[in-house]
N, C-alpha and C. Protein backbone atom coordinates (compact mmCIF):
# COMPACT_ATOMS: atom_id res chain seq x y z
N UNK A 1 -5.57 -14.42 31.76
CA UNK A 1 -6.21 -13.35 31.02
C UNK A 1 -7.19 -12.62 31.94
N UNK A 2 -7.21 -11.31 31.79
CA UNK A 2 -8.17 -10.55 32.57
C UNK A 2 -9.52 -10.54 31.86
N UNK A 3 -10.54 -10.15 32.61
CA UNK A 3 -11.89 -10.09 32.04
C UNK A 3 -11.92 -9.11 30.86
N UNK A 4 -11.22 -8.00 31.02
CA UNK A 4 -11.18 -6.98 29.97
C UNK A 4 -10.50 -7.53 28.70
N UNK A 5 -9.43 -8.29 28.86
CA UNK A 5 -8.73 -8.88 27.72
C UNK A 5 -9.62 -9.89 27.00
N UNK A 6 -10.35 -10.68 27.77
CA UNK A 6 -11.25 -11.66 27.19
C UNK A 6 -12.34 -10.95 26.39
N UNK A 7 -12.92 -9.92 26.98
CA UNK A 7 -13.98 -9.17 26.29
C UNK A 7 -13.46 -8.52 25.02
N UNK A 8 -12.23 -8.02 25.05
CA UNK A 8 -11.63 -7.39 23.87
C UNK A 8 -11.41 -8.42 22.77
N UNK A 9 -10.90 -9.59 23.14
CA UNK A 9 -10.68 -10.63 22.14
C UNK A 9 -12.00 -11.12 21.56
N UNK A 10 -13.01 -11.25 22.40
CA UNK A 10 -14.33 -11.65 21.92
C UNK A 10 -14.88 -10.64 20.91
N UNK A 11 -14.73 -9.36 21.20
CA UNK A 11 -15.21 -8.32 20.29
C UNK A 11 -14.48 -8.41 18.95
N UNK A 12 -13.19 -8.64 19.00
CA UNK A 12 -12.40 -8.77 17.77
C UNK A 12 -12.82 -10.01 16.98
N UNK A 13 -13.04 -11.11 17.68
CA UNK A 13 -13.47 -12.34 17.01
C UNK A 13 -14.85 -12.18 16.38
N UNK A 14 -15.74 -11.49 17.06
CA UNK A 14 -17.09 -11.26 16.51
C UNK A 14 -17.02 -10.45 15.23
N UNK A 15 -16.15 -9.45 15.20
CA UNK A 15 -15.98 -8.64 14.00
C UNK A 15 -15.40 -9.48 12.87
N UNK A 16 -14.39 -10.28 13.18
CA UNK A 16 -13.79 -11.17 12.18
C UNK A 16 -14.82 -12.15 11.64
N UNK A 17 -15.62 -12.69 12.56
CA UNK A 17 -16.63 -13.68 12.17
C UNK A 17 -17.63 -13.06 11.18
N UNK A 18 -18.10 -11.87 11.50
CA UNK A 18 -19.06 -11.20 10.62
C UNK A 18 -18.46 -10.94 9.24
N UNK A 19 -17.21 -10.48 9.23
CA UNK A 19 -16.54 -10.18 7.96
C UNK A 19 -16.36 -11.45 7.13
N UNK A 20 -15.87 -12.50 7.76
CA UNK A 20 -15.63 -13.76 7.05
C UNK A 20 -16.94 -14.37 6.58
N UNK A 21 -17.96 -14.30 7.42
CA UNK A 21 -19.26 -14.84 7.04
C UNK A 21 -19.79 -14.14 5.79
N UNK A 22 -19.62 -12.83 5.73
CA UNK A 22 -20.02 -12.08 4.54
C UNK A 22 -19.23 -12.49 3.32
N UNK A 23 -17.92 -12.70 3.51
CA UNK A 23 -17.07 -13.14 2.40
C UNK A 23 -17.49 -14.52 1.89
N UNK A 24 -17.82 -15.41 2.82
CA UNK A 24 -18.23 -16.76 2.44
C UNK A 24 -19.56 -16.71 1.68
N UNK A 25 -20.48 -15.90 2.16
CA UNK A 25 -21.77 -15.78 1.47
C UNK A 25 -21.59 -15.22 0.07
N UNK A 26 -20.72 -14.23 -0.05
CA UNK A 26 -20.46 -13.64 -1.36
C UNK A 26 -19.81 -14.67 -2.29
N UNK A 27 -18.83 -15.40 -1.77
CA UNK A 27 -18.14 -16.42 -2.57
C UNK A 27 -19.11 -17.51 -3.00
N UNK A 28 -20.02 -17.88 -2.11
CA UNK A 28 -21.01 -18.92 -2.42
C UNK A 28 -21.89 -18.48 -3.59
N UNK A 29 -22.24 -17.22 -3.61
CA UNK A 29 -23.11 -16.73 -4.70
C UNK A 29 -22.41 -16.77 -6.05
N UNK A 30 -21.08 -16.81 -6.04
CA UNK A 30 -20.31 -16.89 -7.28
C UNK A 30 -19.74 -18.29 -7.51
N UNK A 31 -20.23 -19.25 -6.75
CA UNK A 31 -19.80 -20.65 -6.86
C UNK A 31 -18.30 -20.82 -6.66
N UNK A 32 -17.74 -20.06 -5.74
CA UNK A 32 -16.32 -20.14 -5.41
C UNK A 32 -16.16 -21.06 -4.19
N UNK A 33 -15.04 -21.78 -4.11
CA UNK A 33 -14.77 -22.68 -2.99
C UNK A 33 -14.72 -21.87 -1.68
N UNK A 34 -15.50 -22.28 -0.72
CA UNK A 34 -15.58 -21.55 0.55
C UNK A 34 -15.04 -22.36 1.73
N UNK A 35 -14.37 -23.47 1.46
CA UNK A 35 -13.95 -24.36 2.54
C UNK A 35 -12.99 -23.68 3.51
N UNK A 36 -12.08 -22.85 3.01
CA UNK A 36 -11.12 -22.18 3.91
C UNK A 36 -11.86 -21.21 4.83
N UNK A 37 -12.80 -20.46 4.27
CA UNK A 37 -13.58 -19.53 5.08
C UNK A 37 -14.43 -20.24 6.10
N UNK A 38 -15.05 -21.33 5.68
CA UNK A 38 -15.88 -22.10 6.60
C UNK A 38 -15.05 -22.70 7.73
N UNK A 39 -13.85 -23.15 7.40
CA UNK A 39 -12.95 -23.70 8.42
C UNK A 39 -12.58 -22.62 9.43
N UNK A 40 -12.30 -21.42 8.93
CA UNK A 40 -11.93 -20.31 9.81
C UNK A 40 -13.12 -19.93 10.72
N UNK A 41 -14.33 -19.98 10.19
CA UNK A 41 -15.51 -19.68 11.01
C UNK A 41 -15.63 -20.68 12.16
N UNK A 42 -15.37 -21.94 11.88
CA UNK A 42 -15.43 -22.97 12.92
C UNK A 42 -14.36 -22.72 13.98
N UNK A 43 -13.17 -22.33 13.54
CA UNK A 43 -12.09 -22.03 14.49
C UNK A 43 -12.47 -20.86 15.39
N UNK A 44 -13.06 -19.83 14.78
CA UNK A 44 -13.48 -18.66 15.56
C UNK A 44 -14.58 -19.05 16.55
N UNK A 45 -15.54 -19.86 16.11
CA UNK A 45 -16.60 -20.31 17.01
C UNK A 45 -16.02 -21.06 18.21
N UNK A 46 -15.06 -21.95 17.94
CA UNK A 46 -14.45 -22.71 19.02
C UNK A 46 -13.72 -21.79 20.01
N UNK A 47 -12.99 -20.82 19.49
CA UNK A 47 -12.26 -19.89 20.36
C UNK A 47 -13.24 -19.04 21.17
N UNK A 48 -14.33 -18.63 20.55
CA UNK A 48 -15.33 -17.84 21.27
C UNK A 48 -15.96 -18.65 22.39
N UNK A 49 -16.19 -19.94 22.16
CA UNK A 49 -16.73 -20.80 23.21
C UNK A 49 -15.78 -20.88 24.39
N UNK A 50 -14.47 -21.03 24.09
CA UNK A 50 -13.47 -21.08 25.15
C UNK A 50 -13.46 -19.79 25.96
N UNK A 51 -13.48 -18.68 25.25
CA UNK A 51 -13.43 -17.39 25.94
C UNK A 51 -14.70 -17.15 26.75
N UNK A 52 -15.84 -17.54 26.24
CA UNK A 52 -17.08 -17.38 27.00
C UNK A 52 -17.07 -18.22 28.27
N UNK A 53 -16.48 -19.41 28.20
CA UNK A 53 -16.35 -20.24 29.42
C UNK A 53 -15.45 -19.53 30.44
N UNK A 54 -14.36 -18.94 29.95
CA UNK A 54 -13.47 -18.21 30.84
C UNK A 54 -14.18 -17.01 31.45
N UNK A 55 -14.98 -16.34 30.63
CA UNK A 55 -15.73 -15.18 31.10
C UNK A 55 -16.74 -15.59 32.17
N UNK A 56 -17.35 -16.75 32.00
CA UNK A 56 -18.30 -17.27 32.99
C UNK A 56 -17.63 -17.49 34.34
N UNK A 57 -16.34 -17.82 34.31
CA UNK A 57 -15.62 -18.05 35.56
C UNK A 57 -15.46 -16.76 36.38
N UNK A 58 -15.55 -15.64 35.72
CA UNK A 58 -15.44 -14.35 36.43
C UNK A 58 -16.75 -13.99 37.14
N UNK A 59 -17.84 -14.58 36.70
CA UNK A 59 -19.15 -14.23 37.28
C UNK A 59 -19.36 -14.84 38.63
């Protein structure tokens, strides 16, 4: 992966994370099950960590 591709994927993941986090917060306020959203947030966090490590290798 190129540095530009990593940065693009990180930007996309950050947007997804913000959207899902908002959905989870909204669902929580209505006492709706949020486990799927929370699981997805963890997956996104893990992927972002991987990409940030790859990005560090370019520095």
